[in-house]
Amino acid sequence: MTAIEQAKKLFESFHRRRPKRGEIITLQAPSKDIVGLEVGRLVSIGYRRLDGQTFYHEFDAPKPQVFVTPGGTQILIVGGVYRLTDRGFVK
């Protein structure tokens, strides 16, 4: 299964519909390496799904690390034991 196919499958499971144009994208890094500086550990996250439903998740140990790019414009979440499912982020 390709990465795009895998992304479509997860999208459909989470949003319970097929993705529209632009809802799955291919990201290209400007270089092979991305520099990030650690700002702390992820304690919780809140987000609004495309259908308007809001989710809040508290993270237990091991908490993911939070990094930002040197310009402070991109947030990177690294590690932890969580993954996105149709129920949101789960351990």
N, C-alpha and C. Protein backbone atom coordinates (compact mmCIF):
# COMPACT_ATOMS: atom_id res chain seq x y z
N MET A 1 0.85 -1.18 0.00
CA MET A 1 0.00 0.00 0.00
C MET A 1 0.90 1.24 0.00
N THR A 2 0.60 2.18 -0.89
CA THR A 2 1.40 3.40 -0.95
C THR A 2 1.04 4.32 0.23
N ALA A 3 1.87 5.32 0.45
CA ALA A 3 1.62 6.28 1.52
C ALA A 3 0.33 7.05 1.27
N ILE A 4 0.04 7.39 0.02
CA ILE A 4 -1.19 8.11 -0.31
C ILE A 4 -2.41 7.22 -0.02
N GLU A 5 -2.34 5.96 -0.42
CA GLU A 5 -3.44 5.03 -0.15
C GLU A 5 -3.67 4.85 1.34
N GLN A 6 -2.58 4.75 2.09
CA GLN A 6 -2.66 4.61 3.55
C GLN A 6 -3.29 5.86 4.16
N ALA A 7 -2.88 7.04 3.67
CA ALA A 7 -3.43 8.29 4.18
C ALA A 7 -4.93 8.39 3.88
N LYS A 8 -5.35 7.98 2.68
CA LYS A 8 -6.77 8.01 2.33
C LYS A 8 -7.58 7.08 3.23
N LYS A 9 -7.04 5.91 3.50
CA LYS A 9 -7.73 4.94 4.36
C LYS A 9 -7.92 5.51 5.77
N LEU A 10 -6.86 6.10 6.34
CA LEU A 10 -6.95 6.69 7.68
C LEU A 10 -7.90 7.88 7.68
N PHE A 11 -7.83 8.71 6.64
CA PHE A 11 -8.72 9.86 6.52
C PHE A 11 -10.18 9.40 6.56
N GLU A 12 -10.50 8.39 5.74
CA GLU A 12 -11.88 7.89 5.66
C GLU A 12 -12.34 7.28 6.98
N SER A 13 -11.43 6.62 7.68
CA SER A 13 -11.76 6.04 8.97
C SER A 13 -12.03 7.14 10.01
N PHE A 14 -11.23 8.17 10.00
CA PHE A 14 -11.35 9.25 10.99
C PHE A 14 -12.51 10.18 10.68
N HIS A 15 -12.63 10.60 9.43
CA HIS A 15 -13.65 11.59 9.06
C HIS A 15 -14.95 10.95 8.56
N ARG A 16 -14.93 9.63 8.33
CA ARG A 16 -16.11 8.90 7.87
C ARG A 16 -16.64 9.42 6.53
N ARG A 17 -15.69 9.84 5.68
CA ARG A 17 -16.00 10.27 4.32
C ARG A 17 -14.72 10.26 3.49
N ARG A 18 -14.88 10.36 2.19
CA ARG A 18 -13.71 10.39 1.31
C ARG A 18 -13.08 11.78 1.36
N PRO A 19 -11.77 11.87 1.21
CA PRO A 19 -11.12 13.18 1.23
C PRO A 19 -11.44 14.01 -0.01
N LYS A 20 -11.56 15.30 0.19
CA LYS A 20 -11.72 16.24 -0.91
C LYS A 20 -10.34 16.68 -1.38
N ARG A 21 -10.31 17.29 -2.53
CA ARG A 21 -9.05 17.78 -3.08
C ARG A 21 -8.37 18.72 -2.08
N GLY A 22 -7.10 18.49 -1.83
CA GLY A 22 -6.32 19.33 -0.93
C GLY A 22 -6.34 18.89 0.53
N GLU A 23 -7.14 17.89 0.87
CA GLU A 23 -7.19 17.44 2.26
C GLU A 23 -6.12 16.40 2.57
N ILE A 24 -5.50 15.84 1.53
CA ILE A 24 -4.32 14.99 1.68
C ILE A 24 -3.27 15.60 0.78
N ILE A 25 -2.13 15.89 1.36
CA ILE A 25 -1.07 16.55 0.59
C ILE A 25 0.24 15.80 0.73
N THR A 26 1.14 16.04 -0.17
CA THR A 26 2.51 15.54 -0.08
C THR A 26 3.39 16.70 0.34
N LEU A 27 4.07 16.55 1.47
CA LEU A 27 4.94 17.61 1.99
C LEU A 27 6.36 17.38 1.49
N GLN A 28 7.00 18.45 1.10
CA GLN A 28 8.39 18.36 0.67
C GLN A 28 9.22 19.27 1.55
N ALA A 29 10.21 18.68 2.20
CA ALA A 29 11.12 19.46 3.03
C ALA A 29 12.12 20.17 2.12
N PRO A 30 12.55 21.37 2.50
CA PRO A 30 13.50 22.10 1.66
C PRO A 30 14.86 21.40 1.56
N SER A 31 15.16 20.59 2.53
CA SER A 31 16.41 19.82 2.49
C SER A 31 16.15 18.48 3.15
N LYS A 32 17.13 17.61 3.10
CA LYS A 32 16.95 16.29 3.70
C LYS A 32 16.84 16.38 5.23
N ASP A 33 17.56 17.28 5.83
CA ASP A 33 17.54 17.43 7.28
C ASP A 33 16.69 18.62 7.68
N ILE A 34 15.94 18.46 8.75
CA ILE A 34 15.15 19.55 9.32
C ILE A 34 15.71 19.82 10.72
N VAL A 35 16.08 21.04 10.97
CA VAL A 35 16.62 21.42 12.26
C VAL A 35 15.47 21.83 13.17
N GLY A 36 15.46 21.28 14.39
CA GLY A 36 14.43 21.63 15.35
C GLY A 36 15.02 21.83 16.72
N LEU A 37 14.44 22.76 17.47
CA LEU A 37 14.90 22.96 18.83
C LEU A 37 13.78 22.56 19.78
N GLU A 38 14.12 21.80 20.80
CA GLU A 38 13.11 21.29 21.73
C GLU A 38 12.58 22.41 22.60
N VAL A 39 11.24 22.45 22.72
CA VAL A 39 10.62 23.44 23.60
C VAL A 39 9.94 22.79 24.79
N GLY A 40 9.79 21.46 24.77
CA GLY A 40 9.19 20.78 25.92
C GLY A 40 8.52 19.48 25.52
N ARG A 41 7.59 19.04 26.37
CA ARG A 41 6.85 17.80 26.16
C ARG A 41 5.39 18.13 25.91
N LEU A 42 4.74 17.34 25.06
CA LEU A 42 3.33 17.55 24.74
C LEU A 42 2.47 17.02 25.88
N VAL A 43 1.71 17.89 26.50
CA VAL A 43 0.85 17.54 27.63
C VAL A 43 -0.55 17.22 27.13
N SER A 44 -1.05 18.03 26.20
CA SER A 44 -2.38 17.82 25.65
C SER A 44 -2.46 18.49 24.28
N ILE A 45 -3.53 18.14 23.57
CA ILE A 45 -3.76 18.74 22.26
C ILE A 45 -5.26 18.85 22.06
N GLY A 46 -5.68 19.92 21.44
CA GLY A 46 -7.08 20.11 21.08
C GLY A 46 -7.15 20.50 19.62
N TYR A 47 -8.12 19.96 18.91
CA TYR A 47 -8.28 20.30 17.50
C TYR A 47 -9.73 20.10 17.08
N ARG A 48 -10.11 20.80 16.04
CA ARG A 48 -11.47 20.67 15.52
C ARG A 48 -11.41 19.90 14.21
N ARG A 49 -12.11 18.77 14.18
CA ARG A 49 -12.18 17.95 12.98
C ARG A 49 -12.91 18.72 11.88
N LEU A 50 -12.74 18.29 10.64
CA LEU A 50 -13.34 19.00 9.51
C LEU A 50 -14.86 19.09 9.59
N ASP A 51 -15.51 18.17 10.30
CA ASP A 51 -16.97 18.22 10.43
C ASP A 51 -17.41 19.11 11.59
N GLY A 52 -16.45 19.74 12.28
CA GLY A 52 -16.76 20.65 13.37
C GLY A 52 -16.67 20.05 14.76
N GLN A 53 -16.54 18.72 14.86
CA GLN A 53 -16.42 18.07 16.17
C GLN A 53 -15.05 18.39 16.77
N THR A 54 -15.03 18.76 18.04
CA THR A 54 -13.79 19.13 18.71
C THR A 54 -13.30 17.98 19.58
N PHE A 55 -12.00 17.74 19.54
CA PHE A 55 -11.36 16.70 20.32
C PHE A 55 -10.29 17.31 21.22
N TYR A 56 -10.17 16.77 22.43
CA TYR A 56 -9.11 17.13 23.36
C TYR A 56 -8.48 15.84 23.85
N HIS A 57 -7.17 15.78 23.84
CA HIS A 57 -6.47 14.59 24.31
C HIS A 57 -5.40 14.99 25.31
N GLU A 58 -5.36 14.28 26.42
CA GLU A 58 -4.30 14.43 27.42
C GLU A 58 -3.30 13.31 27.16
N PHE A 59 -2.02 13.60 27.22
CA PHE A 59 -1.00 12.60 26.95
C PHE A 59 -0.34 12.12 28.24
N ASP A 60 -0.24 10.78 28.37
CA ASP A 60 0.46 10.16 29.49
C ASP A 60 1.91 9.91 29.08
N ALA A 61 2.68 9.41 30.01
CA ALA A 61 4.08 9.07 29.73
C ALA A 61 4.14 7.83 28.83
N PRO A 62 5.08 7.76 27.94
CA PRO A 62 6.05 8.80 27.63
C PRO A 62 5.42 9.88 26.76
N LYS A 63 5.54 11.13 27.20
CA LYS A 63 4.97 12.25 26.46
C LYS A 63 5.83 12.56 25.23
N PRO A 64 5.19 12.87 24.09
CA PRO A 64 5.96 13.25 22.91
C PRO A 64 6.74 14.54 23.15
N GLN A 65 7.87 14.68 22.47
CA GLN A 65 8.65 15.91 22.54
C GLN A 65 8.08 16.90 21.54
N VAL A 66 8.17 18.19 21.87
CA VAL A 66 7.74 19.25 20.97
C VAL A 66 8.98 20.05 20.55
N PHE A 67 9.16 20.16 19.24
CA PHE A 67 10.26 20.93 18.66
C PHE A 67 9.67 22.02 17.78
N VAL A 68 10.41 23.08 17.54
CA VAL A 68 10.06 24.07 16.54
C VAL A 68 11.26 24.27 15.63
N THR A 69 10.98 24.70 14.41
CA THR A 69 12.06 25.02 13.49
C THR A 69 12.72 26.32 13.95
N PRO A 70 13.95 26.60 13.51
CA PRO A 70 14.67 27.78 13.98
C PRO A 70 13.91 29.10 13.82
N GLY A 71 13.09 29.21 12.80
CA GLY A 71 12.30 30.43 12.62
C GLY A 71 11.05 30.47 13.48
N GLY A 72 10.75 29.35 14.18
CA GLY A 72 9.60 29.28 15.05
C GLY A 72 8.27 29.13 14.32
N THR A 73 8.31 28.79 13.03
CA THR A 73 7.07 28.75 12.24
C THR A 73 6.49 27.36 12.05
N GLN A 74 7.24 26.31 12.33
CA GLN A 74 6.76 24.94 12.17
C GLN A 74 6.89 24.21 13.49
N ILE A 75 5.84 23.52 13.90
CA ILE A 75 5.85 22.73 15.12
C ILE A 75 6.02 21.27 14.74
N LEU A 76 6.93 20.59 15.41
CA LEU A 76 7.19 19.18 15.16
C LEU A 76 6.92 18.40 16.44
N ILE A 77 6.14 17.33 16.35
CA ILE A 77 5.86 16.47 17.49
C ILE A 77 6.57 15.15 17.24
N VAL A 78 7.45 14.77 18.15
CA VAL A 78 8.29 13.60 17.95
C VAL A 78 8.16 12.64 19.13
N GLY A 79 7.97 11.36 18.82
CA GLY A 79 7.97 10.34 19.85
C GLY A 79 6.63 10.13 20.51
N GLY A 80 6.67 9.52 21.68
CA GLY A 80 5.45 9.13 22.36
C GLY A 80 4.96 7.80 21.81
N VAL A 81 3.89 7.31 22.35
CA VAL A 81 3.36 6.01 21.92
C VAL A 81 1.93 6.15 21.40
N TYR A 82 1.60 7.30 20.82
CA TYR A 82 0.26 7.57 20.35
C TYR A 82 0.19 7.50 18.84
N ARG A 83 -1.03 7.17 18.36
CA ARG A 83 -1.27 7.18 16.92
C ARG A 83 -2.70 7.63 16.68
N LEU A 84 -2.95 8.14 15.49
CA LEU A 84 -4.28 8.61 15.14
C LEU A 84 -5.12 7.45 14.65
N THR A 85 -6.32 7.31 15.19
CA THR A 85 -7.29 6.30 14.76
C THR A 85 -8.61 6.99 14.50
N ASP A 86 -9.65 6.23 14.22
CA ASP A 86 -10.98 6.81 14.04
C ASP A 86 -11.51 7.45 15.31
N ARG A 87 -10.88 7.17 16.45
CA ARG A 87 -11.28 7.77 17.74
C ARG A 87 -10.37 8.94 18.13
N GLY A 88 -9.51 9.38 17.24
CA GLY A 88 -8.55 10.42 17.55
C GLY A 88 -7.23 9.80 17.97
N PHE A 89 -6.44 10.52 18.75
CA PHE A 89 -5.14 10.01 19.19
C PHE A 89 -5.35 9.04 20.34
N VAL A 90 -4.79 7.83 20.21
CA VAL A 90 -4.91 6.81 21.24
C VAL A 90 -3.54 6.20 21.52
N LYS A 91 -3.41 5.66 22.71
CA LYS A 91 -2.18 5.01 23.13
C LYS A 91 -2.13 3.60 22.61
